[in-house]
PDB file of N, CA and C in Angstrom:
ATOM      1  N   MET A   1      95.381 132.444  87.601  1.00  0.00           N
ATOM      2  CA  MET A   1      95.771 131.249  88.755  1.00  0.00           C
ATOM      3  C   MET A   1      97.361 130.721  88.348  1.00  0.00           C
ATOM      4  N   SER A   2      97.809 130.552  89.621  1.00  0.00           N
ATOM      5  CA  SER A   2      98.931 130.273  90.122  1.00  0.00           C
ATOM      6  C   SER A   2      99.729 128.499  89.415  1.00  0.00           C
ATOM      7  N   ASP A   3     100.761 128.307  89.405  1.00  0.00           N
ATOM      8  CA  ASP A   3     101.225 127.316  88.912  1.00  0.00           C
ATOM      9  C   ASP A   3     101.001 125.912  89.878  1.00  0.00           C
ATOM     10  N   THR A   4     100.401 126.486  90.839  1.00  0.00           N
ATOM     11  CA  THR A   4     100.511 125.268  92.040  1.00  0.00           C
ATOM     12  C   THR A   4      99.472 124.140  91.641  1.00  0.00           C
ATOM     13  N   ARG A   5     100.118 123.058  92.013  1.00  0.00           N
ATOM     14  CA  ARG A   5      99.509 121.795  92.060  1.00  0.00           C
ATOM     15  C   ARG A   5      98.486 121.336  93.029  1.00  0.00           C
ATOM     16  N   LEU A   6      97.314 120.752  92.334  1.00  0.00           N
ATOM     17  CA  LEU A   6      96.115 120.251  93.149  1.00  0.00           C
ATOM     18  C   LEU A   6      95.820 119.003  93.440  1.00  0.00           C
ATOM     19  N   GLU A   7      95.606 118.586  94.547  1.00  0.00           N
ATOM     20  CA  GLU A   7      95.018 117.319  94.897  1.00  0.00           C
ATOM     21  C   GLU A   7      93.632 117.337  94.153  1.00  0.00           C
ATOM     22  N   ILE A   8      93.585 116.060  93.693  1.00  0.00           N
ATOM     23  CA  ILE A   8      92.231 115.582  93.191  1.00  0.00           C
ATOM     24  C   ILE A   8      91.441 114.883  94.346  1.00  0.00           C
ATOM     25  N   GLN A   9      90.460 114.690  94.777  1.00  0.00           N
ATOM     26  CA  GLN A   9      89.793 113.822  95.630  1.00  0.00           C
ATOM     27  C   GLN A   9      88.405 113.600  94.670  1.00  0.00           C
ATOM     28  N   MET A  10      88.394 112.379  94.529  1.00  0.00           N
ATOM     29  CA  MET A  10      87.132 111.984  94.120  1.00  0.00           C
ATOM     30  C   MET A  10      86.080 111.801  95.195  1.00  0.00           C
ATOM     31  N   LEU A  11      84.851 112.414  94.632  1.00  0.00           N
ATOM     32  CA  LEU A  11      83.746 112.317  95.722  1.00  0.00           C
ATOM     33  C   LEU A  11      82.368 111.097  95.419  1.00  0.00           C
ATOM     34  N   HIS A  12      81.894 110.779  96.736  1.00  0.00           N
ATOM     35  CA  HIS A  12      80.793 109.588  96.799  1.00  0.00           C
ATOM     36  C   HIS A  12      81.437 108.255  95.748  1.00  0.00           C
ATOM     37  N   ASP A  13      80.929 107.894  94.966  1.00  0.00           N
ATOM     38  CA  ASP A  13      80.954 106.659  94.193  1.00  0.00           C
ATOM     39  C   ASP A  13      81.769 106.712  93.061  1.00  0.00           C
ATOM     40  N   ARG A  14      82.742 107.923  93.372  1.00  0.00           N
ATOM     41  CA  ARG A  14      83.319 108.065  91.335  1.00  0.00           C
ATOM     42  C   ARG A  14      84.404 107.448  91.628  1.00  0.00           C
ATOM     43  N   VAL A  15      84.597 106.877  90.388  1.00  0.00           N
ATOM     44  CA  VAL A  15      86.118 106.299  90.184  1.00  0.00           C
ATOM     45  C   VAL A  15      87.132 107.533  88.896  1.00  0.00           C
ATOM     46  N   LEU A  16      88.009 107.524  89.228  1.00  0.00           N
ATOM     47  CA  LEU A  16      88.886 108.111  87.964  1.00  0.00           C
ATOM     48  C   LEU A  16      89.718 107.120  87.373  1.00  0.00           C
ATOM     49  N   VAL A  17      90.056 107.220  86.157  1.00  0.00           N
ATOM     50  CA  VAL A  17      90.447 106.023  85.329  1.00  0.00           C
ATOM     51  C   VAL A  17      91.068 106.597  84.113  1.00  0.00           C
ATOM     52  N   SER A  18      92.545 106.020  84.091  1.00  0.00           N
ATOM     53  CA  SER A  18      93.469 106.649  83.054  1.00  0.00           C
ATOM     54  C   SER A  18      93.047 105.652  81.976  1.00  0.00           C
ATOM     55  N   PRO A  19      92.488 105.727  80.627  1.00  0.00           N
ATOM     56  CA  PRO A  19      92.177 104.709  79.564  1.00  0.00           C
ATOM     57  C   PRO A  19      93.505 104.019  79.341  1.00  0.00           C
ATOM     58  N   SER A  20      93.488 102.831  78.985  1.00  0.00           N
ATOM     59  CA  SER A  20      94.668 102.129  78.283  1.00  0.00           C
ATOM     60  C   SER A  20      95.222 102.991  77.002  1.00  0.00           C
ATOM     61  N   ALA A  21      96.506 102.950  76.639  1.00  0.00           N
ATOM     62  CA  ALA A  21      96.821 103.274  75.235  1.00  0.00           C
ATOM     63  C   ALA A  21      96.095 102.939  73.928  1.00  0.00           C
ATOM     64  N   ALA A  22      95.913 103.110  73.301  1.00  0.00           N
ATOM     65  CA  ALA A  22      94.945 102.506  72.006  1.00  0.00           C
ATOM     66  C   ALA A  22      95.798 101.403  71.524  1.00  0.00           C
ATOM     67  N   GLU A  23      95.294 100.433  71.155  1.00  0.00           N
ATOM     68  CA  GLU A  23      96.149  99.389  70.756  1.00  0.00           C
ATOM     69  C   GLU A  23      96.385  99.311  69.081  1.00  0.00           C
ATOM     70  N   GLY A  24      95.693 100.281  68.371  1.00  0.00           N
ATOM     71  CA  GLY A  24      95.734 100.244  66.847  1.00  0.00           C
ATOM     72  C   GLY A  24      95.431  99.230  66.287  1.00  0.00           C
ATOM     73  N   GLU A  25      96.369  98.479  65.332  1.00  0.00           N
ATOM     74  CA  GLU A  25      95.999  97.330  64.930  1.00  0.00           C
ATOM     75  C   GLU A  25      96.238  96.354  65.680  1.00  0.00           C
ATOM     76  N   ARG A  26      95.252  95.502  65.635  1.00  0.00           N
ATOM     77  CA  ARG A  26      95.560  94.057  66.411  1.00  0.00           C
ATOM     78  C   ARG A  26      94.926  93.033  65.324  1.00  0.00           C
ATOM     79  N   ARG A  27      94.886  91.659  66.287  1.00  0.00           N
ATOM     80  CA  ARG A  27      94.932  90.415  65.051  1.00  0.00           C
ATOM     81  C   ARG A  27      93.833  89.705  65.999  1.00  0.00           C
ATOM     82  N   SER A  28      92.473  88.883  65.415  1.00  0.00           N
ATOM     83  CA  SER A  28      91.768  88.341  65.678  1.00  0.00           C
ATOM     84  C   SER A  28      92.454  86.783  65.912  1.00  0.00           C
ATOM     85  N   THR A  29      91.589  86.163  66.782  1.00  0.00           N
ATOM     86  CA  THR A  29      92.184  84.727  67.190  1.00  0.00           C
ATOM     87  C   THR A  29      92.178  83.870  65.939  1.00  0.00           C
ATOM     88  N   GLY A  30      91.494  84.138  65.127  1.00  0.00           N
ATOM     89  CA  GLY A  30      92.004  83.547  63.707  1.00  0.00           C
ATOM     90  C   GLY A  30      92.762  84.010  63.105  1.00  0.00           C
ATOM     91  N   GLY A  31      93.508  85.192  63.346  1.00  0.00           N
ATOM     92  CA  GLY A  31      94.895  85.130  62.511  1.00  0.00           C
ATOM     93  C   GLY A  31      94.269  86.715  61.617  1.00  0.00           C
ATOM     94  N   ILE A  32      93.236  87.313  61.439  1.00  0.00           N
ATOM     95  CA  ILE A  32      92.991  88.147  60.698  1.00  0.00           C
ATOM     96  C   ILE A  32      93.251  89.502  61.036  1.00  0.00           C
ATOM     97  N   VAL A  33      94.083  90.206  60.306  1.00  0.00           N
ATOM     98  CA  VAL A  33      94.242  91.655  60.790  1.00  0.00           C
ATOM     99  C   VAL A  33      92.989  92.687  61.053  1.00  0.00           C
ATOM    100  N   ILE A  34      92.709  93.426  62.217  1.00  0.00           N
ATOM    101  CA  ILE A  34      92.217  94.221  62.159  1.00  0.00           C
ATOM    102  C   ILE A  34      92.664  95.438  62.428  1.00  0.00           C
ATOM    103  N   PRO A  35      92.133  96.566  61.207  1.00  0.00           N
ATOM    104  CA  PRO A  35      93.007  97.632  61.180  1.00  0.00           C
ATOM    105  C   PRO A  35      92.393  98.775  62.344  1.00  0.00           C
ATOM    106  N   ALA A  36      93.209  99.856  62.751  1.00  0.00           N
ATOM    107  CA  ALA A  36      92.803 100.450  63.672  1.00  0.00           C
ATOM    108  C   ALA A  36      92.074 101.587  63.529  1.00  0.00           C
ATOM    109  N   THR A  37      91.465 101.927  62.688  1.00  0.00           N
ATOM    110  CA  THR A  37      90.403 102.329  61.741  1.00  0.00           C
ATOM    111  C   THR A  37      89.171 101.955  62.093  1.00  0.00           C
ATOM    112  N   ALA A  38      89.385 100.623  62.078  1.00  0.00           N
ATOM    113  CA  ALA A  38      87.800  99.905  62.158  1.00  0.00           C
ATOM    114  C   ALA A  38      87.305 100.297  64.002  1.00  0.00           C
ATOM    115  N   SER A  39      86.145 100.749  63.920  1.00  0.00           N
ATOM    116  CA  SER A  39      85.488 100.629  65.048  1.00  0.00           C
ATOM    117  C   SER A  39      84.572  99.992  65.750  1.00  0.00           C
ATOM    118  N   VAL A  40      84.416  98.950  66.665  1.00  0.00           N
ATOM    119  CA  VAL A  40      83.923  98.305  67.016  1.00  0.00           C
ATOM    120  C   VAL A  40      82.315  99.121  68.058  1.00  0.00           C
ATOM    121  N   SER A  41      81.482  99.167  67.441  1.00  0.00           N
ATOM    122  CA  SER A  41      80.649  99.840  68.726  1.00  0.00           C
ATOM    123  C   SER A  41      80.593  99.102  69.614  1.00  0.00           C
ATOM    124  N   LYS A  42      80.116  99.368  71.044  1.00  0.00           N
ATOM    125  CA  LYS A  42      79.891  98.696  72.443  1.00  0.00           C
ATOM    126  C   LYS A  42      81.348  97.888  72.736  1.00  0.00           C
ATOM    127  N   ARG A  43      82.385  98.376  72.069  1.00  0.00           N
ATOM    128  CA  ARG A  43      83.343  97.469  72.747  1.00  0.00           C
ATOM    129  C   ARG A  43      83.820  98.124  74.061  1.00  0.00           C
ATOM    130  N   LEU A  44      84.241  97.266  75.151  1.00  0.00           N
ATOM    131  CA  LEU A  44      84.732  97.781  76.086  1.00  0.00           C
ATOM    132  C   LEU A  44      85.872  98.283  76.112  1.00  0.00           C
ATOM    133  N   SER A  45      86.349  98.824  77.202  1.00  0.00           N
ATOM    134  CA  SER A  45      87.748  99.428  77.383  1.00  0.00           C
ATOM    135  C   SER A  45      88.363  99.026  78.650  1.00  0.00           C
ATOM    136  N   TRP A  46      89.598  98.824  78.678  1.00  0.00           N
ATOM    137  CA  TRP A  46      90.682  98.580  79.779  1.00  0.00           C
ATOM    138  C   TRP A  46      91.173  99.605  80.422  1.00  0.00           C
ATOM    139  N   GLY A  47      91.234 100.166  81.865  1.00  0.00           N
ATOM    140  CA  GLY A  47      92.016 101.688  82.190  1.00  0.00           C
ATOM    141  C   GLY A  47      92.529 100.832  83.517  1.00  0.00           C
ATOM    142  N   ASP A  48      93.457 102.277  84.036  1.00  0.00           N
ATOM    143  CA  ASP A  48      94.038 101.706  85.456  1.00  0.00           C
ATOM    144  C   ASP A  48      93.184 103.175  86.189  1.00  0.00           C
ATOM    145  N   VAL A  49      93.252 102.615  87.528  1.00  0.00           N
ATOM    146  CA  VAL A  49      92.499 103.790  88.326  1.00  0.00           C
ATOM    147  C   VAL A  49      93.307 104.426  89.288  1.00  0.00           C
ATOM    148  N   TYR A  50      93.285 105.487  89.274  1.00  0.00           N
ATOM    149  CA  TYR A  50      94.122 106.642  89.845  1.00  0.00           C
ATOM    150  C   TYR A  50      93.332 107.567  90.909  1.00  0.00           C
ATOM    151  N   GLY A  51      92.045 107.644  91.180  1.00  0.00           N
ATOM    152  CA  GLY A  51      91.736 108.048  92.195  1.00  0.00           C
ATOM    153  C   GLY A  51      89.785 107.305  92.586  1.00  0.00           C
ATOM    154  N   THR A  52      89.331 107.356  93.746  1.00  0.00           N
ATOM    155  CA  THR A  52      88.367 106.857  94.273  1.00  0.00           C
ATOM    156  C   THR A  52      87.529 107.902  95.470  1.00  0.00           C
ATOM    157  N   GLY A  53      86.412 107.927  94.997  1.00  0.00           N
ATOM    158  CA  GLY A  53      85.948 108.334  96.248  1.00  0.00           C
ATOM    159  C   GLY A  53      85.421 107.515  97.257  1.00  0.00           C
ATOM    160  N   ASN A  54      84.645 108.372  98.527  1.00  0.00           N
ATOM    161  CA  ASN A  54      84.828 107.623  99.634  1.00  0.00           C
ATOM    162  C   ASN A  54      84.003 106.554  99.835  1.00  0.00           C
ATOM    163  N   HIS A  55      82.646 106.210  98.837  1.00  0.00           N
ATOM    164  CA  HIS A  55      82.034 105.136  98.796  1.00  0.00           C
ATOM    165  C   HIS A  55      82.040 104.228  98.045  1.00  0.00           C
ATOM    166  N   VAL A  56      83.217 104.294  97.140  1.00  0.00           N
ATOM    167  CA  VAL A  56      83.697 103.061  96.483  1.00  0.00           C
ATOM    168  C   VAL A  56      84.336 101.844  97.227  1.00  0.00           C
ATOM    169  N   ARG A  57      83.583 100.720  97.232  1.00  0.00           N
ATOM    170  CA  ARG A  57      83.755  99.622  98.141  1.00  0.00           C
ATOM    171  C   ARG A  57      84.774  98.422  97.368  1.00  0.00           C
ATOM    172  N   THR A  58      84.717  98.254  96.224  1.00  0.00           N
ATOM    173  CA  THR A  58      85.284  97.254  95.665  1.00  0.00           C
ATOM    174  C   THR A  58      86.604  97.825  94.638  1.00  0.00           C
ATOM    175  N   VAL A  59      86.787  98.750  94.198  1.00  0.00           N
ATOM    176  CA  VAL A  59      88.054  99.240  93.086  1.00  0.00           C
ATOM    177  C   VAL A  59      88.581  99.738  94.609  1.00  0.00           C
ATOM    178  N   LYS A  60      89.895  99.684  94.241  1.00  0.00           N
ATOM    179  CA  LYS A  60      90.879 100.496  94.821  1.00  0.00           C
ATOM    180  C   LYS A  60      91.884 101.034  93.858  1.00  0.00           C
ATOM    181  N   VAL A  61      92.693 102.100  94.102  1.00  0.00           N
ATOM    182  CA  VAL A  61      93.687 102.721  93.375  1.00  0.00           C
ATOM    183  C   VAL A  61      94.857 101.667  92.749  1.00  0.00           C
ATOM    184  N   GLY A  62      95.031 101.941  91.390  1.00  0.00           N
ATOM    185  CA  GLY A  62      96.224 100.825  90.992  1.00  0.00           C
ATOM    186  C   GLY A  62      95.078  99.552  90.354  1.00  0.00           C
ATOM    187  N   ASP A  63      93.991  99.670  90.639  1.00  0.00           N
ATOM    188  CA  ASP A  63      93.402  98.345  90.234  1.00  0.00           C
ATOM    189  C   ASP A  63      93.251  98.690  88.354  1.00  0.00           C
ATOM    190  N   ARG A  64      93.120  97.655  87.851  1.00  0.00           N
ATOM    191  CA  ARG A  64      92.972  97.571  86.285  1.00  0.00           C
ATOM    192  C   ARG A  64      91.076  97.361  86.294  1.00  0.00           C
ATOM    193  N   VAL A  65      90.590  97.997  85.272  1.00  0.00           N
ATOM    194  CA  VAL A  65      89.052  97.976  85.046  1.00  0.00           C
ATOM    195  C   VAL A  65      88.450  97.819  83.913  1.00  0.00           C
ATOM    196  N   LEU A  66      87.639  97.441  83.854  1.00  0.00           N
ATOM    197  CA  LEU A  66      86.986  97.082  82.243  1.00  0.00           C
ATOM    198  C   LEU A  66      85.752  97.756  82.802  1.00  0.00           C
ATOM    199  N   TYR A  67      85.611  99.189  81.416  1.00  0.00           N
ATOM    200  CA  TYR A  67      84.059  99.712  81.652  1.00  0.00           C
ATOM    201  C   TYR A  67      83.449  99.894  80.393  1.00  0.00           C
ATOM    202  N   GLY A  68      82.314 100.641  80.155  1.00  0.00           N
ATOM    203  CA  GLY A  68      81.809 100.377  78.780  1.00  0.00           C
ATOM    204  C   GLY A  68      82.059 101.989  78.119  1.00  0.00           C
ATOM    205  N   PRO A  69      82.177 102.077  76.555  1.00  0.00           N
ATOM    206  CA  PRO A  69      82.362 103.194  76.034  1.00  0.00           C
ATOM    207  C   PRO A  69      81.281 104.239  76.712  1.00  0.00           C
ATOM    208  N   ASP A  70      80.054 104.046  76.927  1.00  0.00           N
ATOM    209  CA  ASP A  70      78.982 105.165  77.018  1.00  0.00           C
ATOM    210  C   ASP A  70      78.587 105.617  78.164  1.00  0.00           C
ATOM    211  N   ASP A  71      79.557 105.089  79.467  1.00  0.00           N
ATOM    212  CA  ASP A  71      79.446 104.887  80.661  1.00  0.00           C
ATOM    213  C   ASP A  71      80.002 106.053  81.941  1.00  0.00           C
ATOM    214  N   HIS A  72      80.539 107.034  80.681  1.00  0.00           N
ATOM    215  CA  HIS A  72      81.667 108.100  81.711  1.00  0.00           C
ATOM    216  C   HIS A  72      81.523 108.901  80.981  1.00  0.00           C
ATOM    217  N   ALA A  73      82.305 110.181  81.755  1.00  0.00           N
ATOM    218  CA  ALA A  73      82.912 111.523  81.425  1.00  0.00           C
ATOM    219  C   ALA A  73      83.948 111.811  80.857  1.00  0.00           C
ATOM    220  N   GLU A  74      84.774 111.984  80.323  1.00  0.00           N
ATOM    221  CA  GLU A  74      86.309 112.535  80.188  1.00  0.00           C
ATOM    222  C   GLU A  74      86.743 113.866  80.925  1.00  0.00           C
ATOM    223  N   VAL A  75      88.056 113.945  81.181  1.00  0.00           N
ATOM    224  CA  VAL A  75      88.458 115.204  81.620  1.00  0.00           C
ATOM    225  C   VAL A  75      90.219 115.068  81.178  1.00  0.00           C
ATOM    226  N   GLU A  76      90.592 116.279  81.003  1.00  0.00           N
ATOM    227  CA  GLU A  76      91.965 116.368  80.902  1.00  0.00           C
ATOM    228  C   GLU A  76      92.582 117.115  82.055  1.00  0.00           C
ATOM    229  N   VAL A  77      93.824 116.116  82.518  1.00  0.00           N
ATOM    230  CA  VAL A  77      94.203 116.958  83.694  1.00  0.00           C
ATOM    231  C   VAL A  77      96.064 116.943  83.108  1.00  0.00           C
ATOM    232  N   ASP A  78      96.280 118.328  83.368  1.00  0.00           N
ATOM    233  CA  ASP A  78      98.159 118.387  83.335  1.00  0.00           C
ATOM    234  C   ASP A  78      98.297 117.571  81.920  1.00  0.00           C
ATOM    235  N   GLY A  79      97.143 117.595  80.654  1.00  0.00           N
ATOM    236  CA  GLY A  79      97.832 117.140  79.448  1.00  0.00           C
ATOM    237  C   GLY A  79      97.374 115.628  78.958  1.00  0.00           C
ATOM    238  N   ARG A  80      96.541 114.943  80.126  1.00  0.00           N
ATOM    239  CA  ARG A  80      96.534 113.665  80.190  1.00  0.00           C
ATOM    240  C   ARG A  80      94.871 113.619  80.463  1.00  0.00           C
ATOM    241  N   ALA A  81      94.697 112.602  79.474  1.00  0.00           N
ATOM    242  CA  ALA A  81      93.361 112.411  79.717  1.00  0.00           C
ATOM    243  C   ALA A  81      92.605 111.003  80.684  1.00  0.00           C
ATOM    244  N   PHE A  82      91.536 111.325  81.432  1.00  0.00           N
ATOM    245  CA  PHE A  82      91.012 110.697  82.288  1.00  0.00           C
ATOM    246  C   PHE A  82      89.459 110.437  82.363  1.00  0.00           C
ATOM    247  N   VAL A  83      89.190 109.093  82.380  1.00  0.00           N
ATOM    248  CA  VAL A  83      87.584 108.980  82.627  1.00  0.00           C
ATOM    249  C   VAL A  83      87.233 108.951  84.144  1.00  0.00           C
ATOM    250  N   VAL A  84      86.025 109.760  84.127  1.00  0.00           N
ATOM    251  CA  VAL A  84      85.187 109.984  85.439  1.00  0.00           C
ATOM    252  C   VAL A  84      84.051 109.062  85.515  1.00  0.00           C
ATOM    253  N   MET A  85      83.872 107.918  86.369  1.00  0.00           N
ATOM    254  CA  MET A  85      82.408 107.145  86.464  1.00  0.00           C
ATOM    255  C   MET A  85      82.036 106.844  87.445  1.00  0.00           C
ATOM    256  N   ARG A  86      81.053 106.271  87.672  1.00  0.00           N
ATOM    257  CA  ARG A  86      80.275 105.951  88.947  1.00  0.00           C
ATOM    258  C   ARG A  86      81.097 104.348  88.774  1.00  0.00           C
ATOM    259  N   GLU A  87      81.104 103.805  90.260  1.00  0.00           N
ATOM    260  CA  GLU A  87      81.519 102.458  90.750  1.00  0.00           C
ATOM    261  C   GLU A  87      80.485 101.333  89.733  1.00  0.00           C
ATOM    262  N   ARG A  88      79.420 101.868  90.079  1.00  0.00           N
ATOM    263  CA  ARG A  88      78.659 101.126  89.512  1.00  0.00           C
ATOM    264  C   ARG A  88      78.837 100.408  87.812  1.00  0.00           C
ATOM    265  N   ASP A  89      79.451 101.612  87.040  1.00  0.00           N
ATOM    266  CA  ASP A  89      79.400 101.343  85.702  1.00  0.00           C
ATOM    267  C   ASP A  89      80.822 100.395  85.413  1.00  0.00           C
ATOM    268  N   VAL A  90      81.623 100.397  86.492  1.00  0.00           N
ATOM    269  CA  VAL A  90      83.204  99.339  86.062  1.00  0.00           C
ATOM    270  C   VAL A  90      82.064  97.950  86.029  1.00  0.00           C
ATOM    271  N   HIS A  91      82.630  97.357  84.684  1.00  0.00           N
ATOM    272  CA  HIS A  91      82.194  95.705  84.827  1.00  0.00           C
ATOM    273  C   HIS A  91      82.765  94.878  84.939  1.00  0.00           C
ATOM    274  N   ALA A  92      84.466  94.969  85.527  1.00  0.00           N
ATOM    275  CA  ALA A  92      85.194  94.104  86.032  1.00  0.00           C
ATOM    276  C   ALA A  92      86.524  94.900  86.577  1.00  0.00           C
ATOM    277  N   VAL A  93      87.081  94.334  87.442  1.00  0.00           N
ATOM    278  CA  VAL A  93      88.751  94.355  87.875  1.00  0.00           C
ATOM    279  C   VAL A  93      89.359  92.987  87.983  1.00  0.00           C
ATOM    280  N   ALA A  94      90.600  93.830  87.316  1.00  0.00           N
ATOM    281  CA  ALA A  94      91.735  92.499  86.653  1.00  0.00           C
ATOM    282  C   ALA A  94      92.294  92.271  87.753  1.00  0.00           C
ATOM    283  N   SER A  95      92.497  91.211  88.641  1.00  0.00           N
ATOM    284  CA  SER A  95      93.396  90.977  89.743  1.00  0.00           C
ATOM    285  C   SER A  95      94.380  90.002  89.567  1.00  0.00           C
ATOM    286  N   GLU A  96      96.084  90.000  90.088  1.00  0.00           N
ATOM    287  CA  GLU A  96      96.862  89.309  90.159  1.00  0.00           C
ATOM    288  C   GLU A  96      96.859  88.235  91.061  1.00  0.00           C
ATOM    289  N   ASP A  97      96.129  88.528  92.209  1.00  0.00           N
ATOM    290  CA  ASP A  97      95.541  87.227  92.887  1.00  0.00           C
ATOM    291  C   ASP A  97      94.747  86.143  92.428  1.00  0.00           C
ATOM    292  N   ILE A  98      95.147  85.163  92.497  1.00  0.00           N
ATOM    293  CA  ILE A  98      94.684  84.172  91.996  1.00  0.00           C
ATOM    294  C   ILE A  98      94.216  82.904  92.638  1.00  0.00           C
ATOM    295  N   GLU A  99      92.916  82.846  93.154  1.00  0.00           N
ATOM    296  CA  GLU A  99      92.750  82.078  93.963  1.00  0.00           C
ATOM    297  C   GLU A  99      91.715  80.813  93.054  1.00  0.00           C
ATOM    298  N   PRO A 100      91.920  79.456  93.177  1.00  0.00           N
ATOM    299  CA  PRO A 100      91.284  78.744  92.570  1.00  0.00           C
ATOM    300  C   PRO A 100      89.502  78.444  92.678  1.00  0.00           C
ATOM    301  N   THR A 101      89.279  79.054  93.703  1.00  0.00           N
ATOM    302  CA  THR A 101      87.741  78.889  93.887  1.00  0.00           C
ATOM    303  C   THR A 101      87.290  79.985  94.120  1.00  0.00           C
ATOM    304  N   SER A 102      87.638  81.075  93.445  1.00  0.00           N
ATOM    305  CA  SER A 102      86.864  82.353  93.393  1.00  0.00           C
ATOM    306  C   SER A 102      87.243  82.626  91.621  1.00  0.00           C
ATOM    307  N   GLY A 103      85.848  83.384  91.487  1.00  0.00           N
ATOM    308  CA  GLY A 103      85.924  84.210  90.039  1.00  0.00           C
ATOM    309  C   GLY A 103      85.635  83.103  88.898  1.00  0.00           C
ATOM    310  N   THR A 104      85.836  83.548  87.930  1.00  0.00           N
ATOM    311  CA  THR A 104      85.255  82.572  86.723  1.00  0.00           C
ATOM    312  C   THR A 104      85.868  81.490  86.153  1.00  0.00           C
ATOM    313  N   GLY A 105      87.187  81.795  86.136  1.00  0.00           N
ATOM    314  CA  GLY A 105      88.177  80.812  85.758  1.00  0.00           C
ATOM    315  C   GLY A 105      88.862  81.819  84.349  1.00  0.00           C
ATOM    316  N   LEU A 106      88.391  82.897  84.130  1.00  0.00           N
ATOM    317  CA  LEU A 106      89.569  83.263  82.955  1.00  0.00           C
ATOM    318  C   LEU A 106      90.196  84.034  83.298  1.00  0.00           C
ATOM    319  N   TYR A 107      91.589  84.061  82.526  1.00  0.00           N
ATOM    320  CA  TYR A 107      92.749  84.834  83.300  1.00  0.00           C
ATOM    321  C   TYR A 107      93.116  85.646  81.779  1.00  0.00           C
ATOM    322  N   LEU A 108      94.089  86.892  81.984  1.00  0.00           N
ATOM    323  CA  LEU A 108      94.261  87.562  80.849  1.00  0.00           C
ATOM    324  C   LEU A 108      95.762  87.441  80.516  1.00  0.00           C
TER     325      LEU A 108
END
């Protein structure tokens, strides 16, 4: 196969997400240091959207999304790890648009 670059088009309701870099050691709100080796089951992850299918309605390229650890398949493209999931497996979308009457009032 030649070294030509291929355009990736997601199909149907699929979303292509680049997981955020591992945070490593982190600190709890009480000040307790949690080492990177401590795994927390059912911990949700953040990632950036790099592609969406034709039937995706809520998420767009460039959004930051929250997704579950078991709701996806992993793929490597040009040495970078990506996650492929259905739009319905996205739990939340972080937005810079702040409107006082919408949302839960939680800010990151």
